[in-house]
Every structure is written in C-alpha cells, then in structure tokens.
Amino acid sequence: MQGWSCPHNINEICQIRNGKPCEPGYPGCILFGKMVFADPEHPSNKAFHEKRRQQRKTPASETETGAKKTDTD
C-alpha cells in the first residue's frame, strides 16, 4: 500500500477547490479520474474507467502524436 500527502491540503482544506474540505479524488482534485479508490461508489472510479474506455477507442498512432499517421510519415 502506498501513502501520499497532497501539497494542496492545508489543515484539511483544499487550496484548489476554493477552501472546501479536502476530499481526495473528488471533482476538482488533481487525483480525480487518475486512480481507482477502494470505495466502488467513489466518483473518481467512474471517471477513471471512462477515460480508459476512451483511450481504448483511440488508435495508438493518434495518441502518441495527437494526429493520425499516414503512409508518408
């Protein structure tokens, strides 16, 4: 298991989310959609899996350069 300390959490208040309580992985947090949390209902989990689905739909040649490869490349 890994530990992590957010640099935006000051006294349990998130400096990114305009002074709201720190809720790791919720919308507005830098972790949102970047990792899966143990709680299956966590909002980050849905965003994470949706992002993965989108990446699978995009061919690798497009994701690497941002443009489609052609025969002349």
Protein backbone atom coordinates (compact mmCIF):
# COMPACT_ATOMS: atom_id res chain seq x y z
CA MET A 1 0.00 0.00 0.00
CA GLN A 2 1.24 3.49 -0.78
CA GLY A 3 1.00 6.67 1.19
CA TRP A 4 0.66 10.10 -0.34
CA SER A 5 0.40 13.61 1.02
CA CYS A 6 -1.27 16.29 -1.08
CA PRO A 7 0.58 19.61 -1.24
CA HIS A 8 -2.78 21.38 -1.74
CA ASN A 9 -4.22 20.09 1.56
CA ILE A 10 -3.58 22.64 4.29
CA ASN A 11 -5.25 21.84 7.63
CA GLU A 12 -7.75 19.55 5.84
CA ILE A 13 -8.79 22.39 3.48
CA CYS A 14 -8.19 22.03 -0.25
CA GLN A 15 -6.46 25.03 -1.76
CA ILE A 16 -7.55 24.05 -5.31
CA ARG A 17 -11.24 23.57 -4.54
CA ASN A 18 -11.70 27.10 -3.17
CA GLY A 19 -11.41 26.29 0.51
CA LYS A 20 -13.67 23.23 0.52
CA PRO A 21 -12.76 20.31 2.77
CA CYS A 22 -10.13 18.01 1.32
CA GLU A 23 -11.83 15.02 -0.36
CA PRO A 24 -9.16 13.07 -2.26
CA GLY A 25 -10.24 12.14 -5.77
CA TYR A 26 -13.41 14.21 -5.94
CA PRO A 27 -14.06 16.60 -8.86
CA GLY A 28 -11.58 19.45 -8.75
CA CYS A 29 -8.91 17.33 -7.05
CA ILE A 30 -5.75 16.58 -9.02
CA LEU A 31 -6.39 12.86 -8.43
CA PHE A 32 -9.89 12.89 -9.99
CA GLY A 33 -10.06 10.26 -12.72
CA LYS A 34 -6.40 9.34 -12.38
CA MET A 35 -6.77 6.46 -9.94
CA VAL A 36 -9.25 3.94 -8.59
CA PHE A 37 -10.32 4.21 -4.95
CA ALA A 38 -11.39 1.31 -2.72
CA ASP A 39 -14.95 2.64 -2.43
CA PRO A 40 -16.74 1.35 -5.56
CA GLU A 41 -19.08 4.38 -5.47
CA HIS A 42 -16.23 6.93 -5.46
CA PRO A 43 -16.72 9.48 -8.29
CA SER A 44 -13.10 9.17 -9.40
CA ASN A 45 -13.61 5.50 -10.26
CA LYS A 46 -16.26 6.24 -12.90
CA ALA A 47 -14.10 8.98 -14.43
CA PHE A 48 -11.05 6.69 -14.42
CA HIS A 49 -12.85 3.86 -16.20
CA GLU A 50 -14.45 6.23 -18.73
CA LYS A 51 -11.04 7.69 -19.53
CA ARG A 52 -9.65 4.16 -20.07
CA ARG A 53 -12.56 3.30 -22.39
CA GLN A 54 -11.87 6.42 -24.45
CA GLN A 55 -8.17 5.56 -24.70
CA ARG A 56 -9.00 2.08 -25.97
CA LYS A 57 -11.17 3.57 -28.73
CA THR A 58 -8.34 5.82 -29.93
CA PRO A 59 -5.70 4.06 -32.06
CA ALA A 60 -2.16 4.21 -30.65
CA SER A 61 -0.94 6.14 -33.70
CA GLU A 62 -3.28 9.02 -32.75
CA THR A 63 -2.49 9.10 -29.03
CA GLU A 64 1.27 9.26 -29.48
CA THR A 65 1.38 12.31 -31.74
CA GLY A 66 -2.08 13.77 -31.49
CA ALA A 67 -2.59 13.19 -35.23
CA LYS A 68 -3.28 10.22 -37.41
CA LYS A 69 -0.29 8.54 -39.02
CA THR A 70 -0.23 8.39 -42.78
CA ASP A 71 1.74 6.23 -45.17
CA THR A 72 4.11 9.13 -45.82
CA ASP A 73 5.07 9.58 -42.15
